[in-house]
Amino acid sequence: MQELLLNLYQTTGIAMMSLPSLAMIAVSLILLYLAIAKGYEPYLLLPIAFGMLWVNLPASIGEGLMDEGGLLYLLYQGIKLGIYPPLIFLGIGMLTDFAPLIANPKSLLLGAAAQVGIFFAFWVAIALGMTGPEAAAIGIIGGADGPTAIYLTSKLAPHLLGPIAVAAYSYMALVPIIQPPIMKLLTTKEERLIKMEQLRKVSQREKILFPIIVTIIVILIVPSSTPLIGMLMLGNLFKESGVVPNLVENGKNALLYVVTIFLGITVGATAKAGTFLTVDTLKILGIGLCAFAAGTAGGVLLGKLMCVLSGKKINPLIGAAGVSAVPMSARVVQKVGSEEDPTNFLLMHAMGPNVAGVIGSAVAAGTLLSLFK
């Protein structure tokens, strides 16, 4: 009888558990808590955390799903083949209003300055012994653009997909915590009180021409950015043309959220205990935080320079929105500015650098891909 019970116990998942797997399950539960209770990037953090929980259950229950022919293996092909991130960019394009950027083209410079975090992280990763492709994949965390990070990592360093995705989306979720201290440290009260002139009204013709012109220019300069920039601008052209409302409605809702589910679960499923609990993961988390901070600082510092050159007509806080965590970082700018003066409305001014950051991170990813692929 005892032998029968022992044999029965050995067939259960409990007998197959290991300490590393238990640790990863604990991490997944923490991420689930942050997504559900705190609302930190729930649309992606929730499926990522559940995928992580799923795959770290015993082999007969979880890991078998990632074997060839298994459910998660099949869904993972959307990441491996570079399908999911461009589809998400298509949906983002349908949601994005580029009018603030068109009305104030100088904000493109702030979006570009915030990408300094990507190249800062790249050189830090190289100094810590990472290979060129690995360093490029880690560096893109500094762009604060989850789909771009996943796309580039799947091409250059797929073995790091789990920790890079978790780092990218964790720091995106922590934008309201990470950015304000840096913004306040690098600006004076006088600078934070600057009120900016209202943006001019952008015509429908300008909105339609913008995605077409950006597509031509960017792809001619950085052909490797084609999948991301092309889909982003196609989605925006659908939106601004006004002639395909059904495509826009379904693209920014059904398509975007379905793809997000598949991407999140399969990214989380790459975070197995054996590949996630390593020294490299700790390096990635540390470098990612430094990259995000450097990107925020880069945008604010250029904002300070533009403030001086414009005769104090530009509030340097809007430079922090150059990281492409849309629209969260723009909201943080509004919050920090209104703490100094509740009548100071910076949100629309911050949206210019914010959407410019989306373009900038995609261009940076294309540049790194062309260098190391």
Protein backbone atom coordinates (compact mmCIF):
# COMPACT_ATOMS: atom_id res chain seq x y z
CA MET A 1 0.00 0.00 0.00
CA GLN A 2 2.82 2.40 0.90
CA GLU A 3 4.58 1.58 -2.36
CA LEU A 4 1.37 2.23 -4.27
CA LEU A 5 0.93 5.60 -2.57
CA LEU A 6 4.58 6.44 -3.22
CA ASN A 7 4.20 5.62 -6.91
CA LEU A 8 1.05 7.73 -7.03
CA TYR A 9 2.86 10.65 -5.36
CA GLN A 10 5.74 10.41 -7.82
CA THR A 11 3.34 10.87 -10.72
CA THR A 12 2.03 14.14 -9.31
CA GLY A 13 3.35 17.57 -10.17
CA ILE A 14 4.28 18.16 -6.53
CA ALA A 15 7.00 15.48 -6.69
CA MET A 16 8.46 17.10 -9.81
CA MET A 17 8.82 20.59 -8.36
CA SER A 18 12.28 22.11 -7.86
CA LEU A 19 13.44 25.12 -5.88
CA PRO A 20 14.24 27.18 -9.03
CA SER A 21 10.76 26.47 -10.39
CA LEU A 22 9.20 27.48 -7.07
CA ALA A 23 11.20 30.72 -7.18
CA MET A 24 9.93 31.50 -10.69
CA ILE A 25 6.36 30.74 -9.64
CA ALA A 26 6.81 33.20 -6.77
CA VAL A 27 8.08 35.83 -9.23
CA SER A 28 5.08 35.22 -11.49
CA LEU A 29 2.69 35.62 -8.56
CA ILE A 30 4.33 38.94 -7.65
CA LEU A 31 3.91 40.16 -11.24
CA LEU A 32 0.28 39.03 -11.21
CA TYR A 33 -0.24 41.03 -8.02
CA LEU A 34 1.33 44.14 -9.58
CA ALA A 35 -0.83 43.77 -12.69
CA ILE A 36 -4.13 43.13 -10.89
CA ALA A 37 -3.84 44.99 -7.59
CA LYS A 38 -1.63 47.90 -8.68
CA GLY A 39 -2.67 48.16 -12.34
CA TYR A 40 0.93 48.15 -13.63
CA GLU A 41 0.71 47.59 -17.43
CA PRO A 42 -2.00 44.93 -16.87
CA TYR A 43 -2.71 44.28 -20.55
CA LEU A 44 0.76 42.81 -21.01
CA LEU A 45 2.03 42.12 -17.52
CA LEU A 46 -0.96 39.89 -16.76
CA PRO A 47 -0.50 37.45 -19.69
CA ILE A 48 3.31 37.55 -19.29
CA ALA A 49 3.04 36.65 -15.61
CA PHE A 50 0.55 33.87 -16.30
CA GLY A 51 2.74 32.45 -19.08
CA MET A 52 5.65 32.45 -16.64
CA LEU A 53 3.53 30.66 -14.03
CA TRP A 54 2.29 28.18 -16.61
CA VAL A 55 5.67 27.14 -17.98
CA ASN A 56 7.33 26.74 -14.57
CA LEU A 57 4.84 24.16 -13.40
CA PRO A 58 6.13 20.55 -13.61
CA ALA A 59 7.15 19.15 -17.00
CA SER A 60 4.10 16.98 -17.47
CA ILE A 61 1.85 20.03 -16.99
CA GLY A 62 3.72 23.12 -18.14
CA GLU A 63 6.98 22.72 -20.04
CA GLY A 64 5.52 20.17 -22.42
CA LEU A 65 3.47 22.99 -23.92
CA MET A 66 6.70 24.52 -25.24
CA ASP A 67 7.82 21.26 -26.89
CA GLU A 68 7.60 21.13 -30.67
CA GLY A 69 3.96 20.91 -31.66
CA GLY A 70 2.71 22.10 -28.26
CA LEU A 71 0.29 25.01 -27.90
CA LEU A 72 2.82 27.57 -26.68
CA TYR A 73 5.42 26.35 -29.18
CA LEU A 74 3.00 27.11 -32.01
CA LEU A 75 2.04 30.51 -30.58
CA TYR A 76 5.72 31.33 -30.05
CA GLN A 77 6.28 31.21 -33.80
CA GLY A 78 4.56 34.60 -33.97
CA ILE A 79 7.47 36.02 -31.97
CA LYS A 80 10.18 33.93 -33.59
CA LEU A 81 9.06 34.97 -37.07
CA GLY A 82 8.63 38.63 -36.04
CA ILE A 83 4.85 38.75 -36.57
CA TYR A 84 3.35 39.91 -33.26
CA PRO A 85 5.30 43.16 -32.61
CA PRO A 86 4.57 44.69 -36.05
CA LEU A 87 0.88 43.78 -35.66
CA ILE A 88 0.87 45.56 -32.30
CA PHE A 89 2.49 48.57 -33.98
CA LEU A 90 -0.34 48.50 -36.53
CA GLY A 91 -2.86 48.80 -33.69
CA ILE A 92 -0.81 51.48 -31.94
CA GLY A 93 -0.73 53.49 -35.16
CA MET A 94 -4.53 53.43 -35.23
CA LEU A 95 -4.60 54.77 -31.66
CA THR A 96 -1.91 57.44 -32.04
CA ASP A 97 -2.48 61.11 -32.76
CA PHE A 98 0.66 62.63 -34.28
CA ALA A 99 -0.87 66.13 -34.32
CA PRO A 100 1.21 67.41 -31.35
CA LEU A 101 4.39 66.31 -33.12
CA ILE A 102 3.30 67.82 -36.44
CA ALA A 103 2.36 71.09 -34.70
CA ASN A 104 5.75 71.26 -32.98
CA PRO A 105 8.36 69.42 -35.12
CA LYS A 106 11.12 70.44 -32.70
CA SER A 107 9.74 67.89 -30.26
CA LEU A 108 11.16 65.23 -32.58
CA LEU A 109 14.58 66.22 -31.23
CA LEU A 110 13.43 65.49 -27.68
CA GLY A 111 12.21 62.07 -28.74
CA ALA A 112 15.59 61.41 -30.35
CA ALA A 113 17.50 62.64 -27.28
CA ALA A 114 15.64 60.24 -25.03
CA GLN A 115 16.99 57.32 -27.09
CA VAL A 116 20.42 58.00 -25.58
CA GLY A 117 19.45 55.46 -22.95
CA ILE A 118 19.55 52.72 -25.60
CA PHE A 119 23.15 53.40 -26.59
CA PHE A 120 24.23 54.06 -23.00
CA ALA A 121 22.92 50.63 -22.03
CA PHE A 122 24.54 49.06 -25.08
CA TRP A 123 28.02 50.16 -24.01
CA VAL A 124 27.41 49.20 -20.38
CA ALA A 125 26.36 45.72 -21.52
CA ILE A 126 29.50 45.42 -23.67
CA ALA A 127 31.61 46.45 -20.67
CA LEU A 128 29.94 43.71 -18.61
CA GLY A 129 30.93 41.03 -21.11
CA MET A 130 27.83 40.75 -23.30
CA THR A 131 28.18 40.08 -27.01
CA GLY A 132 27.24 42.76 -29.55
CA PRO A 133 23.81 41.26 -30.39
CA GLU A 134 23.04 40.67 -26.69
CA ALA A 135 24.08 44.23 -25.80
CA ALA A 136 21.90 45.62 -28.60
CA ALA A 137 18.88 43.64 -27.38
CA ILE A 138 19.43 44.77 -23.78
CA GLY A 139 20.00 48.37 -24.79
CA ILE A 140 16.62 48.69 -26.48
CA ILE A 141 15.03 48.52 -23.01
CA GLY A 142 16.08 52.16 -22.72
CA GLY A 143 13.54 53.07 -25.38
CA ALA A 144 10.73 52.04 -23.01
CA ASP A 145 8.93 50.33 -25.90
CA GLY A 146 7.95 46.76 -25.10
CA PRO A 147 7.00 45.52 -28.60
CA THR A 148 10.22 46.96 -30.04
CA ALA A 149 12.28 45.28 -27.31
CA ILE A 150 10.61 41.96 -28.00
CA TYR A 151 11.03 42.30 -31.77
CA LEU A 152 14.74 43.14 -31.60
CA THR A 153 15.50 40.50 -28.96
CA SER A 154 13.72 37.78 -30.94
CA LYS A 155 16.02 38.60 -33.87
CA LEU A 156 19.34 39.09 -32.06
CA ALA A 157 19.24 37.27 -28.72
CA PRO A 158 16.15 35.04 -28.37
CA HIS A 159 17.68 33.27 -25.35
CA LEU A 160 17.33 36.56 -23.43
CA LEU A 161 13.73 37.19 -24.43
CA GLY A 162 12.23 36.37 -21.01
CA PRO A 163 14.34 38.65 -18.81
CA ILE A 164 14.43 41.49 -21.37
CA ALA A 165 10.64 41.45 -21.80
CA VAL A 166 10.06 41.36 -18.04
CA ALA A 167 12.55 44.19 -17.52
CA ALA A 168 11.09 46.32 -20.34
CA TYR A 169 7.49 46.05 -19.21
CA SER A 170 8.33 46.29 -15.50
CA TYR A 171 10.14 49.59 -16.01
CA MET A 172 7.41 50.87 -18.32
CA ALA A 173 4.93 50.14 -15.54
CA LEU A 174 7.14 51.98 -13.06
CA VAL A 175 7.36 55.18 -15.14
CA PRO A 176 5.41 57.19 -12.50
CA ILE A 177 7.95 56.12 -9.87
CA ILE A 178 11.23 56.26 -11.83
CA GLN A 179 10.86 59.45 -13.82
CA PRO A 180 9.72 62.19 -11.37
CA PRO A 181 12.86 62.17 -9.16
CA ILE A 182 15.10 62.45 -12.24
CA MET A 183 12.97 65.22 -13.71
CA LYS A 184 13.03 67.24 -10.48
CA LEU A 185 16.74 66.68 -9.96
CA LEU A 186 17.65 68.04 -13.40
CA THR A 187 15.30 71.05 -13.47
CA THR A 188 14.79 74.13 -11.36
CA LYS A 189 11.47 75.28 -9.93
CA GLU A 190 11.57 78.23 -12.32
CA GLU A 191 11.92 75.88 -15.31
CA ARG A 192 9.11 73.63 -14.11
CA LEU A 193 6.80 76.65 -13.87
CA ILE A 194 7.24 77.64 -17.54
CA LYS A 195 3.95 77.75 -19.42
CA MET A 196 4.08 76.95 -23.12
CA GLU A 197 2.01 78.51 -25.88
CA GLN A 198 -0.98 76.59 -27.16
CA LEU A 199 -0.18 74.35 -30.13
CA ARG A 200 -1.53 75.35 -33.54
CA LYS A 201 -4.36 73.40 -35.12
CA VAL A 202 -3.15 70.69 -37.50
CA SER A 203 -5.04 70.20 -40.75
CA GLN A 204 -6.41 66.85 -41.94
CA ARG A 205 -4.14 67.03 -45.00
CA GLU A 206 -1.07 67.28 -42.76
CA LYS A 207 -2.22 64.31 -40.70
CA ILE A 208 -2.66 62.20 -43.85
CA LEU A 209 0.66 63.20 -45.41
CA PHE A 210 2.65 62.67 -42.20
CA PRO A 211 2.62 58.81 -42.12
CA ILE A 212 3.35 58.63 -45.85
CA ILE A 213 6.33 61.00 -45.66
CA VAL A 214 7.73 59.40 -42.48
CA THR A 215 7.49 55.94 -44.05
CA ILE A 216 9.41 57.02 -47.14
CA ILE A 217 12.14 58.93 -45.30
CA VAL A 218 12.74 56.47 -42.45
CA ILE A 219 12.76 53.34 -44.59
CA LEU A 220 15.12 54.93 -47.13
CA ILE A 221 17.54 55.77 -44.31
CA VAL A 222 17.07 52.67 -42.09
CA PRO A 223 15.61 49.82 -44.19
CA SER A 224 15.75 47.40 -41.23
CA SER A 225 13.08 49.45 -39.46
CA THR A 226 10.55 48.61 -42.19
CA PRO A 227 8.39 46.08 -40.25
CA LEU A 228 7.84 48.38 -37.27
CA ILE A 229 7.73 51.82 -38.91
CA GLY A 230 5.75 50.55 -41.90
CA MET A 231 3.02 48.99 -39.75
CA LEU A 232 2.92 51.93 -37.33
CA MET A 233 2.42 54.42 -40.15
CA LEU A 234 -0.02 52.19 -42.02
CA GLY A 235 -2.20 52.03 -38.92
CA ASN A 236 -2.03 55.79 -38.52
CA LEU A 237 -2.86 56.34 -42.21
CA PHE A 238 -5.93 54.10 -41.78
CA LYS A 239 -6.99 56.30 -38.84
CA GLU A 240 -6.36 59.69 -40.39
CA SER A 241 -7.71 58.89 -43.87
CA GLY A 242 -11.20 58.48 -42.42
CA VAL A 243 -12.25 56.13 -45.21
CA VAL A 244 -11.83 52.76 -43.46
CA PRO A 245 -13.54 53.19 -40.06
CA ASN A 246 -14.31 49.47 -39.72
CA LEU A 247 -10.64 48.56 -40.18
CA VAL A 248 -9.63 51.13 -37.58
CA GLU A 249 -12.27 50.03 -35.10
CA ASN A 250 -11.30 46.36 -35.33
CA GLY A 251 -7.56 47.01 -35.57
CA LYS A 252 -7.28 49.18 -32.46
CA ASN A 253 -9.53 46.87 -30.44
CA ALA A 254 -9.97 43.23 -31.46
CA LEU A 255 -6.70 42.73 -33.38
CA LEU A 256 -4.53 44.66 -30.93
CA TYR A 257 -5.82 42.88 -27.85
CA VAL A 258 -5.83 39.37 -29.35
CA VAL A 259 -2.22 39.74 -30.49
CA THR A 260 -1.32 41.18 -27.08
CA ILE A 261 -2.67 38.04 -25.39
CA PHE A 262 -0.62 35.73 -27.63
CA LEU A 263 2.52 37.83 -27.31
CA GLY A 264 2.27 38.15 -23.54
CA ILE A 265 1.68 34.47 -22.83
CA THR A 266 4.47 33.26 -25.12
CA VAL A 267 6.97 35.82 -23.82
CA GLY A 268 6.19 34.75 -20.27
CA ALA A 269 6.60 31.12 -21.31
CA THR A 270 10.23 31.79 -22.29
CA ALA A 271 11.04 32.65 -18.65
CA LYS A 272 11.80 29.12 -17.45
CA ALA A 273 13.74 28.76 -14.22
CA GLY A 274 16.80 27.34 -15.98
CA THR A 275 17.17 30.33 -18.31
CA PHE A 276 15.78 33.12 -16.14
CA LEU A 277 17.52 32.60 -12.79
CA THR A 278 21.02 33.53 -13.95
CA VAL A 279 23.61 36.24 -13.35
CA ASP A 280 22.84 37.61 -16.82
CA THR A 281 19.25 38.26 -15.75
CA LEU A 282 20.43 40.39 -12.84
CA LYS A 283 22.70 42.28 -15.24
CA ILE A 284 19.79 42.87 -17.61
CA LEU A 285 17.54 44.19 -14.85
CA GLY A 286 20.26 46.53 -13.61
CA ILE A 287 21.27 47.77 -17.07
CA GLY A 288 17.62 48.23 -18.03
CA LEU A 289 17.01 50.51 -15.06
CA CYS A 290 20.13 52.56 -15.91
CA ALA A 291 19.02 52.75 -19.56
CA PHE A 292 15.58 54.02 -18.62
CA ALA A 293 17.05 56.63 -16.27
CA ALA A 294 19.58 57.73 -18.90
CA GLY A 295 16.84 58.09 -21.54
CA THR A 296 14.77 60.26 -19.22
CA ALA A 297 17.81 62.37 -18.35
CA GLY A 298 18.77 62.75 -22.02
CA GLY A 299 15.36 64.12 -22.93
CA VAL A 300 15.25 66.53 -19.98
CA LEU A 301 18.78 67.83 -20.59
CA LEU A 302 18.04 68.59 -24.25
CA GLY A 303 14.83 70.21 -23.04
CA LYS A 304 16.90 72.50 -20.81
CA LEU A 305 19.07 73.47 -23.77
CA MET A 306 16.02 74.17 -25.93
CA CYS A 307 14.57 76.17 -23.04
CA VAL A 308 17.59 78.47 -23.05
CA LEU A 309 17.72 78.78 -26.84
CA SER A 310 14.00 79.57 -27.05
CA GLY A 311 14.19 82.31 -24.44
CA LYS A 312 12.49 80.14 -21.79
CA LYS A 313 9.48 79.30 -23.96
CA ILE A 314 9.95 75.53 -23.63
CA ASN A 315 9.40 73.70 -20.37
CA PRO A 316 12.25 71.15 -20.13
CA LEU A 317 9.99 68.66 -18.33
CA ILE A 318 8.46 67.66 -21.67
CA GLY A 319 11.80 66.10 -22.65
CA ALA A 320 11.15 63.27 -20.19
CA ALA A 321 8.24 62.17 -22.39
CA GLY A 322 10.72 61.35 -25.16
CA VAL A 323 10.83 57.76 -23.92
CA SER A 324 8.12 55.95 -25.84
CA ALA A 325 5.95 54.79 -22.93
CA VAL A 326 2.80 56.25 -24.52
CA PRO A 327 0.91 58.00 -23.01
CA MET A 328 2.15 57.28 -19.49
CA SER A 329 5.31 59.36 -19.59
CA ALA A 330 3.36 62.33 -21.02
CA ARG A 331 0.95 62.03 -18.10
CA VAL A 332 3.87 62.00 -15.69
CA VAL A 333 5.10 65.26 -17.23
CA GLN A 334 1.65 66.76 -16.70
CA LYS A 335 1.58 65.55 -13.10
CA VAL A 336 5.03 66.90 -12.21
CA GLY A 337 4.28 70.24 -13.88
CA SER A 338 0.89 70.63 -12.18
CA GLU A 339 2.48 69.98 -8.78
CA GLU A 340 4.29 73.30 -9.22
CA ASP A 341 1.34 75.10 -10.83
CA PRO A 342 -2.09 73.44 -11.14
CA THR A 343 -2.95 75.76 -14.05
CA ASN A 344 0.02 74.62 -16.15
CA PHE A 345 -1.17 72.18 -18.82
CA LEU A 346 1.77 70.36 -20.42
CA LEU A 347 0.09 67.15 -21.56
CA MET A 348 -0.37 68.00 -25.25
CA HIS A 349 3.11 69.53 -25.43
CA ALA A 350 4.52 66.33 -23.90
CA MET A 351 2.64 64.13 -26.40
CA GLY A 352 4.87 65.46 -29.20
CA PRO A 353 8.12 64.03 -27.76
CA ASN A 354 6.16 60.99 -26.57
CA VAL A 355 5.00 59.87 -30.02
CA ALA A 356 8.37 60.95 -31.45
CA GLY A 357 9.92 58.47 -29.01
CA VAL A 358 7.90 55.64 -30.58
CA ILE A 359 9.39 56.50 -33.96
CA GLY A 360 12.84 56.97 -32.43
CA SER A 361 12.90 53.60 -30.68
CA ALA A 362 11.81 51.83 -33.87
CA VAL A 363 14.56 53.59 -35.85
CA ALA A 364 17.12 52.73 -33.15
CA ALA A 365 16.01 49.09 -33.25
CA GLY A 366 16.34 49.04 -37.03
CA THR A 367 19.82 50.54 -36.80
CA LEU A 368 20.98 47.96 -34.24
CA LEU A 369 19.40 45.16 -36.28
CA SER A 370 21.25 46.22 -39.42
CA LEU A 371 24.53 46.34 -37.48
CA PHE A 372 24.32 42.97 -35.74
CA LYS A 373 21.93 40.74 -37.68
